[in-house]
C-alpha atoms as a PDB file:
ATOM      1  CA  MET A   1      97.679 129.014 108.801  1.00  0.00           C
ATOM      2  CA  SER A   2      97.963 132.477 110.316  1.00  0.00           C
ATOM      3  CA  VAL A   3      98.790 132.482 114.086  1.00  0.00           C
ATOM      4  CA  SER A   4      95.110 134.429 114.776  1.00  0.00           C
ATOM      5  CA  ASP A   5      93.224 131.509 113.310  1.00  0.00           C
ATOM      6  CA  ASN A   6      91.264 130.143 116.435  1.00  0.00           C
ATOM      7  CA  LYS A   7      90.396 126.595 114.488  1.00  0.00           C
ATOM      8  CA  LYS A   8      92.313 123.772 115.313  1.00  0.00           C
ATOM      9  CA  PRO A   9      94.612 122.696 112.405  1.00  0.00           C
ATOM     10  CA  THR A  10      93.597 119.836 109.918  1.00  0.00           C
ATOM     11  CA  PRO A  11      96.333 116.960 109.626  1.00  0.00           C
ATOM     12  CA  SER A  12      96.712 118.556 106.003  1.00  0.00           C
ATOM     13  CA  ASP A  13      97.098 122.073 107.281  1.00  0.00           C
ATOM     14  CA  LEU A  14     100.124 120.634 109.457  1.00  0.00           C
ATOM     15  CA  PHE A  15     101.480 118.780 106.604  1.00  0.00           C
ATOM     16  CA  TYR A  16     101.566 121.240 104.117  1.00  0.00           C
ATOM     17  CA  ALA A  17     103.435 123.530 106.622  1.00  0.00           C
ATOM     18  CA  GLY A  18     106.034 121.418 106.910  1.00  0.00           C
ATOM     19  CA  SER A  19     104.822 120.206 110.489  1.00  0.00           C
ATOM     20  CA  TYR A  20     105.245 116.255 109.578  1.00  0.00           C
ATOM     21  CA  ARG A  21     105.241 114.978 113.214  1.00  0.00           C
ATOM     22  CA  GLU A  22     102.620 117.001 114.395  1.00  0.00           C
ATOM     23  CA  ALA A  23     100.650 115.621 110.908  1.00  0.00           C
ATOM     24  CA  LEU A  24     101.152 112.264 111.980  1.00  0.00           C
ATOM     25  CA  ASP A  25      99.961 112.427 115.259  1.00  0.00           C
ATOM     26  CA  ALA A  26      96.676 114.564 114.305  1.00  0.00           C
ATOM     27  CA  ILE A  27      96.167 111.904 111.528  1.00  0.00           C
ATOM     28  CA  ALA A  28      96.356 109.191 114.280  1.00  0.00           C
ATOM     29  CA  ALA A  29      94.109 111.243 116.606  1.00  0.00           C
ATOM     30  CA  ALA A  30      91.810 111.281 113.618  1.00  0.00           C
ATOM     31  CA  LYS A  31      91.638 107.881 113.046  1.00  0.00           C
ATOM     32  CA  ARG A  32      91.005 106.982 116.919  1.00  0.00           C
ATOM     33  CA  SER A  33      88.004 109.246 116.990  1.00  0.00           C
ATOM     34  CA  SER A  34      86.591 108.382 113.116  1.00  0.00           C
ATOM     35  CA  THR A  35      86.546 105.610 111.346  1.00  0.00           C
ATOM     36  CA  ASP A  36      85.722 108.073 108.225  1.00  0.00           C
ATOM     37  CA  ALA A  37      88.809 109.721 108.608  1.00  0.00           C
ATOM     38  CA  ARG A  38      91.191 109.118 105.562  1.00  0.00           C
ATOM     39  CA  TYR A  39      94.522 111.131 105.082  1.00  0.00           C
ATOM     40  CA  PRO A  40      96.299 108.606 102.885  1.00  0.00           C
ATOM     41  CA  VAL A  41      98.487 111.191 100.990  1.00  0.00           C
ATOM     42  CA  GLU A  42      99.475 113.251 103.764  1.00  0.00           C
ATOM     43  CA  GLU A  43     100.409 110.188 106.352  1.00  0.00           C
ATOM     44  CA  ILE A  44     102.617 108.879 103.391  1.00  0.00           C
ATOM     45  CA  GLY A  45     104.289 112.071 102.719  1.00  0.00           C
ATOM     46  CA  ALA A  46     104.550 112.895 106.097  1.00  0.00           C
ATOM     47  CA  ARG A  47     106.228 109.657 106.847  1.00  0.00           C
ATOM     48  CA  VAL A  48     108.826 110.065 104.274  1.00  0.00           C
ATOM     49  CA  PHE A  49     109.620 113.678 105.404  1.00  0.00           C
ATOM     50  CA  ALA A  50     109.475 112.382 109.179  1.00  0.00           C
ATOM     51  CA  GLY A  51     112.416 109.702 107.695  1.00  0.00           C
ATOM     52  CA  GLU A  52     110.054 106.704 107.989  1.00  0.00           C
ATOM     53  CA  LEU A  53     110.320 105.398 104.252  1.00  0.00           C
ATOM     54  CA  LYS A  54     109.950 102.007 104.916  1.00  0.00           C
ATOM     55  CA  GLU A  55     106.350 102.778 106.864  1.00  0.00           C
ATOM     56  CA  ALA A  56     105.638 104.698 104.078  1.00  0.00           C
ATOM     57  CA  GLU A  57     106.148 102.131 101.563  1.00  0.00           C
ATOM     58  CA  SER A  58     104.329  99.607 103.852  1.00  0.00           C
ATOM     59  CA  LEU A  59     101.441 101.508 104.166  1.00  0.00           C
ATOM     60  CA  PHE A  60     101.313 102.202 100.568  1.00  0.00           C
ATOM     61  CA  ALA A  61     101.410  98.823  99.710  1.00  0.00           C
ATOM     62  CA  ARG A  62      98.305  98.185 102.145  1.00  0.00           C
ATOM     63  CA  ILE A  63      96.017 100.860 101.033  1.00  0.00           C
ATOM     64  CA  GLN A  64      97.064 101.278  97.189  1.00  0.00           C
ATOM     65  CA  LYS A  65      93.878  99.358  95.775  1.00  0.00           C
ATOM     66  CA  SER A  66      91.348 101.557  97.701  1.00  0.00           C
ATOM     67  CA  LEU A  67      93.033 104.908  96.716  1.00  0.00           C
ATOM     68  CA  SER A  68      91.918 107.020  93.779  1.00  0.00           C
ATOM     69  CA  ARG A  69      94.210 107.646  91.086  1.00  0.00           C
ATOM     70  CA  GLU A  70      95.292 110.791  92.007  1.00  0.00           C
ATOM     71  CA  GLU A  71      96.190 109.594  95.557  1.00  0.00           C
ATOM     72  CA  GLN A  72      98.000 106.984  94.305  1.00  0.00           C
ATOM     73  CA  VAL A  73      99.892 109.798  91.930  1.00  0.00           C
ATOM     74  CA  ALA A  74     100.334 111.553  95.212  1.00  0.00           C
ATOM     75  CA  CYS A  75     101.582 108.972  97.276  1.00  0.00           C
ATOM     76  CA  ARG A  76     104.030 107.765  94.586  1.00  0.00           C
ATOM     77  CA  PHE A  77     105.759 111.204  94.142  1.00  0.00           C
ATOM     78  CA  PHE A  78     106.171 111.216  98.133  1.00  0.00           C
ATOM     79  CA  LEU A  79     107.647 107.597  97.848  1.00  0.00           C
ATOM     80  CA  GLY A  80     110.067 108.779  94.716  1.00  0.00           C
ATOM     81  CA  ILE A  81     110.969 111.777  96.887  1.00  0.00           C
ATOM     82  CA  GLY A  82     112.370 109.679 100.018  1.00  0.00           C
ATOM     83  CA  GLN A  83     113.630 106.989  97.856  1.00  0.00           C
ATOM     84  CA  THR A  84     115.844 110.104  96.008  1.00  0.00           C
ATOM     85  CA  ARG A  85     116.963 111.339  99.360  1.00  0.00           C
ATOM     86  CA  VAL A  86     118.151 107.694 100.650  1.00  0.00           C
ATOM     87  CA  SER A  87     119.861 107.195  97.264  1.00  0.00           C
ATOM     88  CA  GLU A  88     117.317 104.096  96.065  1.00  0.00           C
ATOM     89  CA  TYR A  89     116.779 104.768  92.538  1.00  0.00           C
ATOM     90  CA  GLY A  90     116.149 101.535  91.511  1.00  0.00           C
END
């Protein structure tokens, strides 16, 4: 994302730029404006990196069955990072 871009960054743009709180805000706004808004990987990853591991785990438990295999793998990757960060290996 360059400074000269005039388009509004997507939740994905914000997440992958490391702006986790902003990504969560953008995801919440997208959910309010559209029932089709889906950013499960970004939301779980952002919650993990924002220190909200329990919320991320709870969200994953609720939506896991509706995710594609690729989304499940990515979510589990971020949850694993979160568990490592708080030294929860079991």
